[in-house]
Amino acid sequence: MNKDPKIDKKLAEKLSSYEVDMPEFSLKRSRWERFINYLASPSQNPFERFSLSTHGLATMNVIPIVGALILSLTQIIMLI
């Protein structure tokens, strides 16, 4: 750091010449803002525990195929 007193005086004069108006912000949030923040908050993935293991990943790939087969068989049986 520079310890020259002339530079510190110049800096102090420059800084004192500027005026900044800070706007007032309310720290309390409205009910609407809290509700929107609640809706926008991230949620947990219910299938995360399945996707972490190889067995779970295979199960998640097989379940839709089995479900489609069951639905198609029930439609065929209903038509007969």
PDB file of N, CA and C in Angstrom:
ATOM      1  N   MET A   1       0.827  -1.183   0.000  1.00  0.00           N
ATOM      2  CA  MET A   1       0.000   0.000   0.000  1.00  0.00           C
ATOM      3  C   MET A   1       0.872   1.247   0.000  1.00  0.00           C
ATOM      4  N   ASN A   2       0.403   2.286  -0.619  1.00  0.00           N
ATOM      5  CA  ASN A   2       1.155   3.526  -0.708  1.00  0.00           C
ATOM      6  C   ASN A   2       0.843   4.390   0.523  1.00  0.00           C
ATOM      7  N   LYS A   3       1.870   4.831   1.208  1.00  0.00           N
ATOM      8  CA  LYS A   3       1.687   5.615   2.436  1.00  0.00           C
ATOM      9  C   LYS A   3       1.936   7.097   2.221  1.00  0.00           C
ATOM     10  N   ASP A   4       1.907   7.563   0.999  1.00  0.00           N
ATOM     11  CA  ASP A   4       2.163   8.974   0.704  1.00  0.00           C
ATOM     12  C   ASP A   4       0.970   9.807   1.181  1.00  0.00           C
ATOM     13  N   PRO A   5       1.138  10.770   2.088  1.00  0.00           N
ATOM     14  CA  PRO A   5       0.011  11.556   2.611  1.00  0.00           C
ATOM     15  C   PRO A   5      -0.650  12.436   1.568  1.00  0.00           C
ATOM     16  N   LYS A   6       0.082  12.856   0.513  1.00  0.00           N
ATOM     17  CA  LYS A   6      -0.521  13.690  -0.529  1.00  0.00           C
ATOM     18  C   LYS A   6      -1.570  12.904  -1.311  1.00  0.00           C
ATOM     19  N   ILE A   7      -1.251  11.651  -1.610  1.00  0.00           N
ATOM     20  CA  ILE A   7      -2.209  10.826  -2.360  1.00  0.00           C
ATOM     21  C   ILE A   7      -3.430  10.535  -1.496  1.00  0.00           C
ATOM     22  N   ASP A   8      -3.233  10.283  -0.215  1.00  0.00           N
ATOM     23  CA  ASP A   8      -4.358  10.024   0.674  1.00  0.00           C
ATOM     24  C   ASP A   8      -5.265  11.249   0.786  1.00  0.00           C
ATOM     25  N   LYS A   9      -4.690  12.453   0.810  1.00  0.00           N
ATOM     26  CA  LYS A   9      -5.510  13.669   0.863  1.00  0.00           C
ATOM     27  C   LYS A   9      -6.286  13.843  -0.431  1.00  0.00           C
ATOM     28  N   LYS A  10      -5.620  13.588  -1.554  1.00  0.00           N
ATOM     29  CA  LYS A  10      -6.316  13.705  -2.846  1.00  0.00           C
ATOM     30  C   LYS A  10      -7.447  12.695  -2.936  1.00  0.00           C
ATOM     31  N   LEU A  11      -7.167  11.498  -2.505  1.00  0.00           N
ATOM     32  CA  LEU A  11      -8.196  10.466  -2.529  1.00  0.00           C
ATOM     33  C   LEU A  11      -9.358  10.830  -1.617  1.00  0.00           C
ATOM     34  N   ALA A  12      -9.056  11.361  -0.450  1.00  0.00           N
ATOM     35  CA  ALA A  12     -10.108  11.759   0.482  1.00  0.00           C
ATOM     36  C   ALA A  12     -10.945  12.899  -0.098  1.00  0.00           C
ATOM     37  N   GLU A  13     -10.303  13.848  -0.786  1.00  0.00           N
ATOM     38  CA  GLU A  13     -11.052  14.942  -1.416  1.00  0.00           C
ATOM     39  C   GLU A  13     -11.959  14.422  -2.520  1.00  0.00           C
ATOM     40  N   LYS A  14     -11.456  13.511  -3.351  1.00  0.00           N
ATOM     41  CA  LYS A  14     -12.260  12.936  -4.437  1.00  0.00           C
ATOM     42  C   LYS A  14     -13.450  12.165  -3.879  1.00  0.00           C
ATOM     43  N   LEU A  15     -13.194  11.361  -2.875  1.00  0.00           N
ATOM     44  CA  LEU A  15     -14.277  10.565  -2.297  1.00  0.00           C
ATOM     45  C   LEU A  15     -15.320  11.422  -1.612  1.00  0.00           C
ATOM     46  N   SER A  16     -14.911  12.502  -0.974  1.00  0.00           N
ATOM     47  CA  SER A  16     -15.874  13.359  -0.291  1.00  0.00           C
ATOM     48  C   SER A  16     -16.681  14.197  -1.282  1.00  0.00           C
ATOM     49  N   SER A  17     -16.198  14.358  -2.517  1.00  0.00           N
ATOM     50  CA  SER A  17     -16.935  15.155  -3.501  1.00  0.00           C
ATOM     51  C   SER A  17     -18.126  14.389  -4.092  1.00  0.00           C
ATOM     52  N   TYR A  18     -18.099  13.065  -4.003  1.00  0.00           N
ATOM     53  CA  TYR A  18     -19.196  12.263  -4.555  1.00  0.00           C
ATOM     54  C   TYR A  18     -20.279  12.046  -3.515  1.00  0.00           C
ATOM     55  N   GLU A  19     -21.532  12.166  -3.971  1.00  0.00           N
ATOM     56  CA  GLU A  19     -22.665  11.864  -3.108  1.00  0.00           C
ATOM     57  C   GLU A  19     -23.506  10.789  -3.776  1.00  0.00           C
ATOM     58  N   VAL A  20     -23.847   9.782  -3.029  1.00  0.00           N
ATOM     59  CA  VAL A  20     -24.619   8.665  -3.544  1.00  0.00           C
ATOM     60  C   VAL A  20     -25.910   8.574  -2.754  1.00  0.00           C
ATOM     61  N   ASP A  21     -27.026   8.568  -3.454  1.00  0.00           N
ATOM     62  CA  ASP A  21     -28.326   8.395  -2.808  1.00  0.00           C
ATOM     63  C   ASP A  21     -28.706   6.927  -2.859  1.00  0.00           C
ATOM     64  N   MET A  22     -28.824   6.324  -1.710  1.00  0.00           N
ATOM     65  CA  MET A  22     -29.199   4.916  -1.631  1.00  0.00           C
ATOM     66  C   MET A  22     -30.714   4.816  -1.512  1.00  0.00           C
ATOM     67  N   PRO A  23     -31.355   4.070  -2.405  1.00  0.00           N
ATOM     68  CA  PRO A  23     -32.808   3.908  -2.294  1.00  0.00           C
ATOM     69  C   PRO A  23     -33.162   2.995  -1.122  1.00  0.00           C
ATOM     70  N   GLU A  24     -34.332   3.189  -0.589  1.00  0.00           N
ATOM     71  CA  GLU A  24     -34.795   2.370   0.528  1.00  0.00           C
ATOM     72  C   GLU A  24     -35.417   1.087  -0.012  1.00  0.00           C
ATOM     73  N   PHE A  25     -34.937  -0.033   0.464  1.00  0.00           N
ATOM     74  CA  PHE A  25     -35.495  -1.325   0.109  1.00  0.00           C
ATOM     75  C   PHE A  25     -36.116  -1.926   1.354  1.00  0.00           C
ATOM     76  N   SER A  26     -37.327  -2.406   1.189  1.00  0.00           N
ATOM     77  CA  SER A  26     -37.960  -3.047   2.340  1.00  0.00           C
ATOM     78  C   SER A  26     -37.408  -4.459   2.481  1.00  0.00           C
ATOM     79  N   LEU A  27     -37.088  -4.836   3.706  1.00  0.00           N
ATOM     80  CA  LEU A  27     -36.536  -6.151   3.957  1.00  0.00           C
ATOM     81  C   LEU A  27     -37.622  -7.205   4.098  1.00  0.00           C
ATOM     82  N   LYS A  28     -38.839  -6.785   4.372  1.00  0.00           N
ATOM     83  CA  LYS A  28     -39.938  -7.728   4.528  1.00  0.00           C
ATOM     84  C   LYS A  28     -40.554  -8.000   3.164  1.00  0.00           C
ATOM     85  N   ARG A  29     -40.732  -9.277   2.852  1.00  0.00           N
ATOM     86  CA  ARG A  29     -41.323  -9.655   1.573  1.00  0.00           C
ATOM     87  C   ARG A  29     -42.836  -9.751   1.705  1.00  0.00           C
ATOM     88  N   SER A  30     -43.497  -9.474   0.618  1.00  0.00           N
ATOM     89  CA  SER A  30     -44.957  -9.567   0.623  1.00  0.00           C
ATOM     90  C   SER A  30     -45.377 -11.035   0.526  1.00  0.00           C
ATOM     91  N   ARG A  31     -46.631 -11.285   0.787  1.00  0.00           N
ATOM     92  CA  ARG A  31     -47.141 -12.650   0.701  1.00  0.00           C
ATOM     93  C   ARG A  31     -47.007 -13.188  -0.717  1.00  0.00           C
ATOM     94  N   TRP A  32     -47.256 -12.340  -1.686  1.00  0.00           N
ATOM     95  CA  TRP A  32     -47.170 -12.756  -3.088  1.00  0.00           C
ATOM     96  C   TRP A  32     -45.730 -13.183  -3.431  1.00  0.00           C
ATOM     97  N   GLU A  33     -44.734 -12.423  -3.002  1.00  0.00           N
ATOM     98  CA  GLU A  33     -43.338 -12.778  -3.267  1.00  0.00           C
ATOM     99  C   GLU A  33     -42.969 -14.088  -2.595  1.00  0.00           C
ATOM    100  N   ARG A  34     -43.424 -14.284  -1.363  1.00  0.00           N
ATOM    101  CA  ARG A  34     -43.132 -15.542  -0.676  1.00  0.00           C
ATOM    102  C   ARG A  34     -43.790 -16.717  -1.385  1.00  0.00           C
ATOM    103  N   PHE A  35     -45.008 -16.529  -1.888  1.00  0.00           N
ATOM    104  CA  PHE A  35     -45.711 -17.587  -2.606  1.00  0.00           C
ATOM    105  C   PHE A  35     -44.983 -17.924  -3.909  1.00  0.00           C
ATOM    106  N   ILE A  36     -44.555 -16.908  -4.647  1.00  0.00           N
ATOM    107  CA  ILE A  36     -43.831 -17.133  -5.899  1.00  0.00           C
ATOM    108  C   ILE A  36     -42.506 -17.826  -5.627  1.00  0.00           C
ATOM    109  N   ASN A  37     -41.796 -17.435  -4.574  1.00  0.00           N
ATOM    110  CA  ASN A  37     -40.542 -18.103  -4.226  1.00  0.00           C
ATOM    111  C   ASN A  37     -40.775 -19.557  -3.829  1.00  0.00           C
ATOM    112  N   TYR A  38     -41.907 -19.826  -3.173  1.00  0.00           N
ATOM    113  CA  TYR A  38     -42.241 -21.207  -2.819  1.00  0.00           C
ATOM    114  C   TYR A  38     -42.479 -22.031  -4.077  1.00  0.00           C
ATOM    115  N   LEU A  39     -43.197 -21.466  -5.051  1.00  0.00           N
ATOM    116  CA  LEU A  39     -43.453 -22.197  -6.291  1.00  0.00           C
ATOM    117  C   LEU A  39     -42.183 -22.395  -7.111  1.00  0.00           C
ATOM    118  N   ALA A  40     -41.258 -21.461  -7.027  1.00  0.00           N
ATOM    119  CA  ALA A  40     -40.038 -21.534  -7.829  1.00  0.00           C
ATOM    120  C   ALA A  40     -38.928 -22.315  -7.146  1.00  0.00           C
ATOM    121  N   SER A  41     -39.129 -22.754  -5.924  1.00  0.00           N
ATOM    122  CA  SER A  41     -38.069 -23.485  -5.227  1.00  0.00           C
ATOM    123  C   SER A  41     -37.910 -24.874  -5.846  1.00  0.00           C
ATOM    124  N   PRO A  42     -36.695 -25.389  -5.878  1.00  0.00           N
ATOM    125  CA  PRO A  42     -36.467 -26.703  -6.486  1.00  0.00           C
ATOM    126  C   PRO A  42     -37.085 -27.815  -5.641  1.00  0.00           C
ATOM    127  N   SER A  43     -37.535 -28.839  -6.314  1.00  0.00           N
ATOM    128  CA  SER A  43     -38.135 -29.970  -5.609  1.00  0.00           C
ATOM    129  C   SER A  43     -37.221 -31.187  -5.714  1.00  0.00           C
ATOM    130  N   GLN A  44     -37.493 -32.184  -4.906  1.00  0.00           N
ATOM    131  CA  GLN A  44     -36.686 -33.394  -4.917  1.00  0.00           C
ATOM    132  C   GLN A  44     -37.169 -34.317  -6.023  1.00  0.00           C
ATOM    133  N   ASN A  45     -36.242 -35.028  -6.622  1.00  0.00           N
ATOM    134  CA  ASN A  45     -36.561 -35.984  -7.664  1.00  0.00           C
ATOM    135  C   ASN A  45     -36.910 -37.320  -7.011  1.00  0.00           C
ATOM    136  N   PRO A  46     -38.149 -37.813  -7.156  1.00  0.00           N
ATOM    137  CA  PRO A  46     -38.507 -39.070  -6.497  1.00  0.00           C
ATOM    138  C   PRO A  46     -37.824 -40.287  -7.120  1.00  0.00           C
ATOM    139  N   PHE A  47     -37.329 -40.185  -8.343  1.00  0.00           N
ATOM    140  CA  PHE A  47     -36.685 -41.308  -9.009  1.00  0.00           C
ATOM    141  C   PHE A  47     -35.166 -41.277  -8.898  1.00  0.00           C
ATOM    142  N   GLU A  48     -34.647 -40.374  -8.085  1.00  0.00           N
ATOM    143  CA  GLU A  48     -33.202 -40.238  -7.983  1.00  0.00           C
ATOM    144  C   GLU A  48     -32.546 -41.489  -7.413  1.00  0.00           C
ATOM    145  N   ARG A  49     -33.179 -42.142  -6.470  1.00  0.00           N
ATOM    146  CA  ARG A  49     -32.573 -43.337  -5.877  1.00  0.00           C
ATOM    147  C   ARG A  49     -32.511 -44.479  -6.881  1.00  0.00           C
ATOM    148  N   PHE A  50     -33.435 -44.515  -7.859  1.00  0.00           N
ATOM    149  CA  PHE A  50     -33.385 -45.549  -8.885  1.00  0.00           C
ATOM    150  C   PHE A  50     -32.271 -45.288  -9.898  1.00  0.00           C
ATOM    151  N   SER A  51     -32.062 -44.045 -10.224  1.00  0.00           N
ATOM    152  CA  SER A  51     -31.095 -43.727 -11.263  1.00  0.00           C
ATOM    153  C   SER A  51     -29.652 -43.801 -10.771  1.00  0.00           C
ATOM    154  N   LEU A  52     -29.430 -43.941  -9.469  1.00  0.00           N
ATOM    155  CA  LEU A  52     -28.077 -43.987  -8.947  1.00  0.00           C
ATOM    156  C   LEU A  52     -27.434 -45.363  -9.069  1.00  0.00           C
ATOM    157  N   SER A  53     -28.232 -46.401  -9.202  1.00  0.00           N
ATOM    158  CA  SER A  53     -27.666 -47.745  -9.299  1.00  0.00           C
ATOM    159  C   SER A  53     -27.953 -48.337 -10.681  1.00  0.00           C
ATOM    160  N   THR A  54     -27.170 -49.332 -11.060  1.00  0.00           N
ATOM    161  CA  THR A  54     -27.349 -49.984 -12.355  1.00  0.00           C
ATOM    162  C   THR A  54     -28.657 -50.765 -12.382  1.00  0.00           C
ATOM    163  N   HIS A  55     -28.959 -51.434 -11.280  1.00  0.00           N
ATOM    164  CA  HIS A  55     -30.203 -52.200 -11.197  1.00  0.00           C
ATOM    165  C   HIS A  55     -31.427 -51.266 -11.303  1.00  0.00           C
ATOM    166  N   GLY A  56     -31.370 -50.154 -10.635  1.00  0.00           N
ATOM    167  CA  GLY A  56     -32.476 -49.202 -10.684  1.00  0.00           C
ATOM    168  C   GLY A  56     -32.660 -48.608 -12.073  1.00  0.00           C
ATOM    169  N   LEU A  57     -31.548 -48.341 -12.764  1.00  0.00           N
ATOM    170  CA  LEU A  57     -31.627 -47.802 -14.114  1.00  0.00           C
ATOM    171  C   LEU A  57     -32.250 -48.809 -15.067  1.00  0.00           C
ATOM    172  N   ALA A  58     -31.901 -50.085 -14.921  1.00  0.00           N
ATOM    173  CA  ALA A  58     -32.491 -51.131 -15.756  1.00  0.00           C
ATOM    174  C   ALA A  58     -33.986 -51.263 -15.460  1.00  0.00           C
ATOM    175  N   THR A  59     -34.349 -51.163 -14.190  1.00  0.00           N
ATOM    176  CA  THR A  59     -35.764 -51.250 -13.809  1.00  0.00           C
ATOM    177  C   THR A  59     -36.562 -50.102 -14.418  1.00  0.00           C
ATOM    178  N   MET A  60     -35.980 -48.911 -14.409  1.00  0.00           N
ATOM    179  CA  MET A  60     -36.697 -47.764 -14.971  1.00  0.00           C
ATOM    180  C   MET A  60     -36.846 -47.884 -16.484  1.00  0.00           C
ATOM    181  N   ASN A  61     -35.985 -48.618 -17.152  1.00  0.00           N
ATOM    182  CA  ASN A  61     -36.119 -48.817 -18.593  1.00  0.00           C
ATOM    183  C   ASN A  61     -37.117 -49.914 -18.921  1.00  0.00           C
ATOM    184  N   VAL A  62     -37.286 -50.899 -18.039  1.00  0.00           N
ATOM    185  CA  VAL A  62     -38.160 -52.038 -18.307  1.00  0.00           C
ATOM    186  C   VAL A  62     -39.612 -51.734 -17.937  1.00  0.00           C
ATOM    187  N   ILE A  63     -39.846 -50.953 -16.910  1.00  0.00           N
ATOM    188  CA  ILE A  63     -41.214 -50.692 -16.431  1.00  0.00           C
ATOM    189  C   ILE A  63     -42.116 -50.094 -17.512  1.00  0.00           C
ATOM    190  N   PRO A  64     -41.710 -49.108 -18.298  1.00  0.00           N
ATOM    191  CA  PRO A  64     -42.611 -48.599 -19.344  1.00  0.00           C
ATOM    192  C   PRO A  64     -42.957 -49.635 -20.410  1.00  0.00           C
ATOM    193  N   ILE A  65     -42.017 -50.513 -20.722  1.00  0.00           N
ATOM    194  CA  ILE A  65     -42.285 -51.553 -21.725  1.00  0.00           C
ATOM    195  C   ILE A  65     -43.310 -52.540 -21.191  1.00  0.00           C
ATOM    196  N   VAL A  66     -43.143 -52.953 -19.944  1.00  0.00           N
ATOM    197  CA  VAL A  66     -44.096 -53.883 -19.331  1.00  0.00           C
ATOM    198  C   VAL A  66     -45.468 -53.231 -19.218  1.00  0.00           C
ATOM    199  N   GLY A  67     -45.514 -51.968 -18.836  1.00  0.00           N
ATOM    200  CA  GLY A  67     -46.794 -51.267 -18.747  1.00  0.00           C
ATOM    201  C   GLY A  67     -47.491 -51.170 -20.090  1.00  0.00           C
ATOM    202  N   ALA A  68     -46.745 -50.906 -21.149  1.00  0.00           N
ATOM    203  CA  ALA A  68     -47.339 -50.831 -22.488  1.00  0.00           C
ATOM    204  C   ALA A  68     -47.867 -52.191 -22.913  1.00  0.00           C
ATOM    205  N   LEU A  69     -47.142 -53.254 -22.589  1.00  0.00           N
ATOM    206  CA  LEU A  69     -47.629 -54.602 -22.925  1.00  0.00           C
ATOM    207  C   LEU A  69     -48.921 -54.938 -22.184  1.00  0.00           C
ATOM    208  N   ILE A  70     -48.983 -54.584 -20.911  1.00  0.00           N
ATOM    209  CA  ILE A  70     -50.197 -54.855 -20.128  1.00  0.00           C
ATOM    210  C   ILE A  70     -51.379 -54.075 -20.683  1.00  0.00           C
ATOM    211  N   LEU A  71     -51.173 -52.810 -21.026  1.00  0.00           N
ATOM    212  CA  LEU A  71     -52.273 -52.014 -21.594  1.00  0.00           C
ATOM    213  C   LEU A  71     -52.730 -52.560 -22.936  1.00  0.00           C
ATOM    214  N   SER A  72     -51.793 -52.960 -23.772  1.00  0.00           N
ATOM    215  CA  SER A  72     -52.187 -53.494 -25.081  1.00  0.00           C
ATOM    216  C   SER A  72     -52.913 -54.825 -24.935  1.00  0.00           C
ATOM    217  N   LEU A  73     -52.473 -55.677 -24.001  1.00  0.00           N
ATOM    218  CA  LEU A  73     -53.177 -56.956 -23.780  1.00  0.00           C
ATOM    219  C   LEU A  73     -54.585 -56.734 -23.245  1.00  0.00           C
ATOM    220  N   THR A  74     -54.776 -55.765 -22.356  1.00  0.00           N
ATOM    221  CA  THR A  74     -56.129 -55.505 -21.850  1.00  0.00           C
ATOM    222  C   THR A  74     -57.027 -54.981 -22.959  1.00  0.00           C
ATOM    223  N   GLN A  75     -56.507 -54.189 -23.891  1.00  0.00           N
ATOM    224  CA  GLN A  75     -57.314 -53.706 -25.005  1.00  0.00           C
ATOM    225  C   GLN A  75     -57.678 -54.849 -25.954  1.00  0.00           C
ATOM    226  N   ILE A  76     -56.747 -55.758 -26.179  1.00  0.00           N
ATOM    227  CA  ILE A  76     -57.040 -56.909 -27.046  1.00  0.00           C
ATOM    228  C   ILE A  76     -58.089 -57.794 -26.406  1.00  0.00           C
ATOM    229  N   ILE A  77     -57.984 -58.030 -25.109  1.00  0.00           N
ATOM    230  CA  ILE A  77     -58.961 -58.856 -24.415  1.00  0.00           C
ATOM    231  C   ILE A  77     -60.337 -58.185 -24.426  1.00  0.00           C
ATOM    232  N   MET A  78     -60.391 -56.869 -24.306  1.00  0.00           N
ATOM    233  CA  MET A  78     -61.686 -56.165 -24.309  1.00  0.00           C
ATOM    234  C   MET A  78     -62.346 -56.254 -25.682  1.00  0.00           C
ATOM    235  N   LEU A  79     -61.571 -56.326 -26.748  1.00  0.00           N
ATOM    236  CA  LEU A  79     -62.130 -56.381 -28.096  1.00  0.00           C
ATOM    237  C   LEU A  79     -62.648 -57.772 -28.444  1.00  0.00           C
ATOM    238  N   ILE A  80     -62.124 -58.785 -27.806  1.00  0.00           N
ATOM    239  CA  ILE A  80     -62.548 -60.154 -28.135  1.00  0.00           C
ATOM    240  C   ILE A  80     -63.883 -60.451 -27.546  1.00  0.00           C
TER     241      ILE A  80
END
